[in-house]
Amino acid sequence: MDYDTVGAAAFGAGLRGMGVNLLVRDVGAEVAFLETVFGMRAHQPTPDFAIVTYGTEVFQLHSDGTYHSNPLLGLLPESPPRGAGIEIRLYETDPEAACAVAEAAGGTILQTPADKPHGLREAYILCENGYAWVPSRAI
């Protein structure tokens, strides 16, 4: 699927497996954060939506306004953090490199890079929407 040209109906019909969609206040700001800190790529970004790829993985960003009739909108907190309880793990991202640029890109480092007993070196970085991004590499 060509994420740069696919239409909405074909994109939706072509999704398989498990999907992730993050609701964000500002799609452009989240895109800039993800591209800067983790080297992700946004496809067809608009103020309301973006397709985002991380290697071969794909997920979506939607602005709050696109969820005007969705039952989840009423559950969103007025202030961050939104994503409490979810970790978005990025197993092919250098935690030191991500932490080096995270704060300048609007992120908050919750935990600096550390070796963990489960065989990964990882860090915890919160984006301005409150999602915990965990760049990780095998030790």
C-alpha atoms as a PDB file:
ATOM      1  CA  MET A   1       0.000   0.000   0.000  1.00  0.00           C
ATOM      2  CA  ASP A   2       1.370   3.425  -0.907  1.00  0.00           C
ATOM      3  CA  TYR A   3       0.649   5.460   2.228  1.00  0.00           C
ATOM      4  CA  ASP A   4       1.455   8.714   0.441  1.00  0.00           C
ATOM      5  CA  THR A   5      -1.351   8.338  -2.105  1.00  0.00           C
ATOM      6  CA  VAL A   6      -3.903   5.840  -0.748  1.00  0.00           C
ATOM      7  CA  GLY A   7      -7.438   7.151  -0.261  1.00  0.00           C
ATOM      8  CA  ALA A   8      -9.267   6.884   3.053  1.00  0.00           C
ATOM      9  CA  ALA A   9     -11.609   4.048   1.999  1.00  0.00           C
ATOM     10  CA  ALA A  10      -8.813   1.945   0.481  1.00  0.00           C
ATOM     11  CA  PHE A  11      -6.576   2.591   3.509  1.00  0.00           C
ATOM     12  CA  GLY A  12      -9.278   1.485   5.944  1.00  0.00           C
ATOM     13  CA  ALA A  13     -10.187  -1.576   3.901  1.00  0.00           C
ATOM     14  CA  GLY A  14      -6.534  -2.576   3.636  1.00  0.00           C
ATOM     15  CA  LEU A  15      -5.741  -2.604   7.356  1.00  0.00           C
ATOM     16  CA  ARG A  16      -5.066  -6.007   8.915  1.00  0.00           C
ATOM     17  CA  GLY A  17      -4.047  -7.491  12.246  1.00  0.00           C
ATOM     18  CA  MET A  18      -3.989  -5.098  15.190  1.00  0.00           C
ATOM     19  CA  GLY A  19      -4.211  -1.345  14.817  1.00  0.00           C
ATOM     20  CA  VAL A  20      -3.236   1.583  16.981  1.00  0.00           C
ATOM     21  CA  ASN A  21      -4.855   4.996  16.750  1.00  0.00           C
ATOM     22  CA  LEU A  22      -3.736   7.824  19.016  1.00  0.00           C
ATOM     23  CA  LEU A  23      -5.996  10.776  19.725  1.00  0.00           C
ATOM     24  CA  VAL A  24      -3.935  13.957  19.957  1.00  0.00           C
ATOM     25  CA  ARG A  25      -4.613  17.645  20.478  1.00  0.00           C
ATOM     26  CA  ASP A  26      -2.321  18.748  17.630  1.00  0.00           C
ATOM     27  CA  VAL A  27      -1.516  16.279  14.828  1.00  0.00           C
ATOM     28  CA  GLY A  28       1.259  18.465  13.396  1.00  0.00           C
ATOM     29  CA  ALA A  29       3.032  18.793  16.736  1.00  0.00           C
ATOM     30  CA  GLU A  30       2.812  15.049  17.384  1.00  0.00           C
ATOM     31  CA  VAL A  31       4.123  14.303  13.878  1.00  0.00           C
ATOM     32  CA  ALA A  32       7.083  16.639  14.454  1.00  0.00           C
ATOM     33  CA  PHE A  33       7.838  14.955  17.796  1.00  0.00           C
ATOM     34  CA  LEU A  34       7.671  11.424  16.366  1.00  0.00           C
ATOM     35  CA  GLU A  35       9.800  12.280  13.338  1.00  0.00           C
ATOM     36  CA  THR A  36      12.416  14.164  15.370  1.00  0.00           C
ATOM     37  CA  VAL A  37      12.772  11.821  18.325  1.00  0.00           C
ATOM     38  CA  PHE A  38      12.147   8.405  16.766  1.00  0.00           C
ATOM     39  CA  GLY A  39      12.747   8.862  13.039  1.00  0.00           C
ATOM     40  CA  MET A  40       9.167   7.934  12.169  1.00  0.00           C
ATOM     41  CA  ARG A  41       7.557   9.074   8.929  1.00  0.00           C
ATOM     42  CA  ALA A  42       4.173  10.734   8.508  1.00  0.00           C
ATOM     43  CA  HIS A  43       2.133  10.175   5.360  1.00  0.00           C
ATOM     44  CA  GLN A  44      -0.578  12.560   4.163  1.00  0.00           C
ATOM     45  CA  PRO A  45      -0.506  14.621   7.377  1.00  0.00           C
ATOM     46  CA  THR A  46      -3.318  17.138   7.811  1.00  0.00           C
ATOM     47  CA  PRO A  47      -4.427  19.103  10.880  1.00  0.00           C
ATOM     48  CA  ASP A  48      -6.854  16.227  11.609  1.00  0.00           C
ATOM     49  CA  PHE A  49      -5.080  13.018  10.597  1.00  0.00           C
ATOM     50  CA  ALA A  50      -1.804  11.319   9.704  1.00  0.00           C
ATOM     51  CA  ILE A  51      -0.696   7.833   8.780  1.00  0.00           C
ATOM     52  CA  VAL A  52       2.573   7.153  10.622  1.00  0.00           C
ATOM     53  CA  THR A  53       5.122   4.443   9.894  1.00  0.00           C
ATOM     54  CA  TYR A  54       7.883   3.053  12.089  1.00  0.00           C
ATOM     55  CA  GLY A  55       9.817   0.562   9.996  1.00  0.00           C
ATOM     56  CA  THR A  56       7.158  -1.783   8.635  1.00  0.00           C
ATOM     57  CA  GLU A  57       4.611  -0.886  11.333  1.00  0.00           C
ATOM     58  CA  VAL A  58       1.782   1.562  10.671  1.00  0.00           C
ATOM     59  CA  PHE A  59      -0.510   3.480  13.010  1.00  0.00           C
ATOM     60  CA  GLN A  60      -2.745   6.535  12.881  1.00  0.00           C
ATOM     61  CA  LEU A  61      -3.020   9.913  14.574  1.00  0.00           C
ATOM     62  CA  HIS A  62      -6.397  11.633  14.799  1.00  0.00           C
ATOM     63  CA  SER A  63      -7.176  15.046  16.228  1.00  0.00           C
ATOM     64  CA  ASP A  64      -9.781  15.270  18.967  1.00  0.00           C
ATOM     65  CA  GLY A  65     -12.129  17.060  16.571  1.00  0.00           C
ATOM     66  CA  THR A  66     -12.389  14.027  14.309  1.00  0.00           C
ATOM     67  CA  TYR A  67     -13.914  12.097  17.206  1.00  0.00           C
ATOM     68  CA  HIS A  68     -16.890  14.463  17.701  1.00  0.00           C
ATOM     69  CA  SER A  69     -19.372  11.572  17.598  1.00  0.00           C
ATOM     70  CA  ASN A  70     -17.097   8.827  18.939  1.00  0.00           C
ATOM     71  CA  PRO A  71     -17.843   7.496  22.455  1.00  0.00           C
ATOM     72  CA  LEU A  72     -14.155   7.764  23.445  1.00  0.00           C
ATOM     73  CA  LEU A  73     -14.117  11.555  23.233  1.00  0.00           C
ATOM     74  CA  GLY A  74     -16.053  11.926  26.479  1.00  0.00           C
ATOM     75  CA  LEU A  75     -13.457   9.841  28.301  1.00  0.00           C
ATOM     76  CA  LEU A  76     -10.469  12.019  27.387  1.00  0.00           C
ATOM     77  CA  PRO A  77      -9.071  13.999  30.314  1.00  0.00           C
ATOM     78  CA  GLU A  78      -8.975  17.779  29.968  1.00  0.00           C
ATOM     79  CA  SER A  79      -5.281  17.868  30.860  1.00  0.00           C
ATOM     80  CA  PRO A  80      -2.461  15.375  30.305  1.00  0.00           C
ATOM     81  CA  PRO A  81      -1.521  12.672  30.696  1.00  0.00           C
ATOM     82  CA  ARG A  82      -3.893  10.978  28.284  1.00  0.00           C
ATOM     83  CA  GLY A  83      -2.051   7.747  27.724  1.00  0.00           C
ATOM     84  CA  ALA A  84      -1.567   6.623  31.325  1.00  0.00           C
ATOM     85  CA  GLY A  85      -1.170   2.870  31.408  1.00  0.00           C
ATOM     86  CA  ILE A  86      -0.005   2.338  27.836  1.00  0.00           C
ATOM     87  CA  GLU A  87       3.590   1.886  26.721  1.00  0.00           C
ATOM     88  CA  ILE A  88       4.381   2.229  23.043  1.00  0.00           C
ATOM     89  CA  ARG A  89       7.549   0.187  22.671  1.00  0.00           C
ATOM     90  CA  LEU A  90       9.960   0.907  19.852  1.00  0.00           C
ATOM     91  CA  TYR A  91      12.340  -2.055  19.759  1.00  0.00           C
ATOM     92  CA  GLU A  92      14.572  -0.661  17.018  1.00  0.00           C
ATOM     93  CA  THR A  93      15.270   2.803  18.435  1.00  0.00           C
ATOM     94  CA  ASP A  94      18.415   3.823  20.292  1.00  0.00           C
ATOM     95  CA  PRO A  95      17.279   5.117  23.708  1.00  0.00           C
ATOM     96  CA  GLU A  96      20.310   7.419  24.095  1.00  0.00           C
ATOM     97  CA  ALA A  97      19.724   9.026  20.699  1.00  0.00           C
ATOM     98  CA  ALA A  98      16.004   9.497  21.423  1.00  0.00           C
ATOM     99  CA  CYS A  99      16.649  11.047  24.848  1.00  0.00           C
ATOM    100  CA  ALA A 100      19.255  13.390  23.358  1.00  0.00           C
ATOM    101  CA  VAL A 101      16.567  15.183  21.320  1.00  0.00           C
ATOM    102  CA  ALA A 102      13.356  14.425  23.229  1.00  0.00           C
ATOM    103  CA  GLU A 103      13.150  17.489  25.484  1.00  0.00           C
ATOM    104  CA  ALA A 104      13.978  19.928  22.683  1.00  0.00           C
ATOM    105  CA  ALA A 105      11.165  18.299  20.670  1.00  0.00           C
ATOM    106  CA  GLY A 106       8.632  18.827  23.471  1.00  0.00           C
ATOM    107  CA  GLY A 107       8.993  15.502  25.278  1.00  0.00           C
ATOM    108  CA  THR A 108       9.607  14.704  28.929  1.00  0.00           C
ATOM    109  CA  ILE A 109      12.115  12.041  29.886  1.00  0.00           C
ATOM    110  CA  LEU A 110      10.502   9.916  32.595  1.00  0.00           C
ATOM    111  CA  GLN A 111      13.427   7.516  32.809  1.00  0.00           C
ATOM    112  CA  THR A 112      16.863   7.859  31.280  1.00  0.00           C
ATOM    113  CA  PRO A 113      18.322   4.889  29.378  1.00  0.00           C
ATOM    114  CA  ALA A 114      18.960   1.892  31.616  1.00  0.00           C
ATOM    115  CA  ASP A 115      19.702  -1.807  31.206  1.00  0.00           C
ATOM    116  CA  LYS A 116      16.727  -3.891  32.313  1.00  0.00           C
ATOM    117  CA  PRO A 117      16.645  -7.512  33.526  1.00  0.00           C
ATOM    118  CA  HIS A 118      14.536  -8.535  30.525  1.00  0.00           C
ATOM    119  CA  GLY A 119      17.503  -7.968  28.184  1.00  0.00           C
ATOM    120  CA  LEU A 120      16.713  -4.489  26.877  1.00  0.00           C
ATOM    121  CA  ARG A 121      18.267  -1.083  27.304  1.00  0.00           C
ATOM    122  CA  GLU A 122      15.348   1.308  27.343  1.00  0.00           C
ATOM    123  CA  ALA A 123      14.137   4.772  28.296  1.00  0.00           C
ATOM    124  CA  TYR A 124      10.701   6.248  28.938  1.00  0.00           C
ATOM    125  CA  ILE A 125       9.740   9.439  27.111  1.00  0.00           C
ATOM    126  CA  LEU A 126       6.376  11.151  27.459  1.00  0.00           C
ATOM    127  CA  CYS A 127       5.057  13.183  24.520  1.00  0.00           C
ATOM    128  CA  GLU A 128       2.946  16.267  25.180  1.00  0.00           C
ATOM    129  CA  ASN A 129      -0.201  14.148  24.793  1.00  0.00           C
ATOM    130  CA  GLY A 130       0.883  11.935  27.678  1.00  0.00           C
ATOM    131  CA  TYR A 131       1.741   8.762  25.765  1.00  0.00           C
ATOM    132  CA  ALA A 132       4.760   6.837  27.054  1.00  0.00           C
ATOM    133  CA  TRP A 133       7.166   6.019  24.223  1.00  0.00           C
ATOM    134  CA  VAL A 134       9.802   3.414  25.122  1.00  0.00           C
ATOM    135  CA  PRO A 135      12.805   3.343  22.782  1.00  0.00           C
ATOM    136  CA  SER A 136      14.575   0.017  23.305  1.00  0.00           C
ATOM    137  CA  ARG A 137      17.533  -1.987  22.078  1.00  0.00           C
ATOM    138  CA  ALA A 138      18.779  -5.442  22.997  1.00  0.00           C
ATOM    139  CA  ILE A 139      21.674  -5.360  25.450  1.00  0.00           C
END
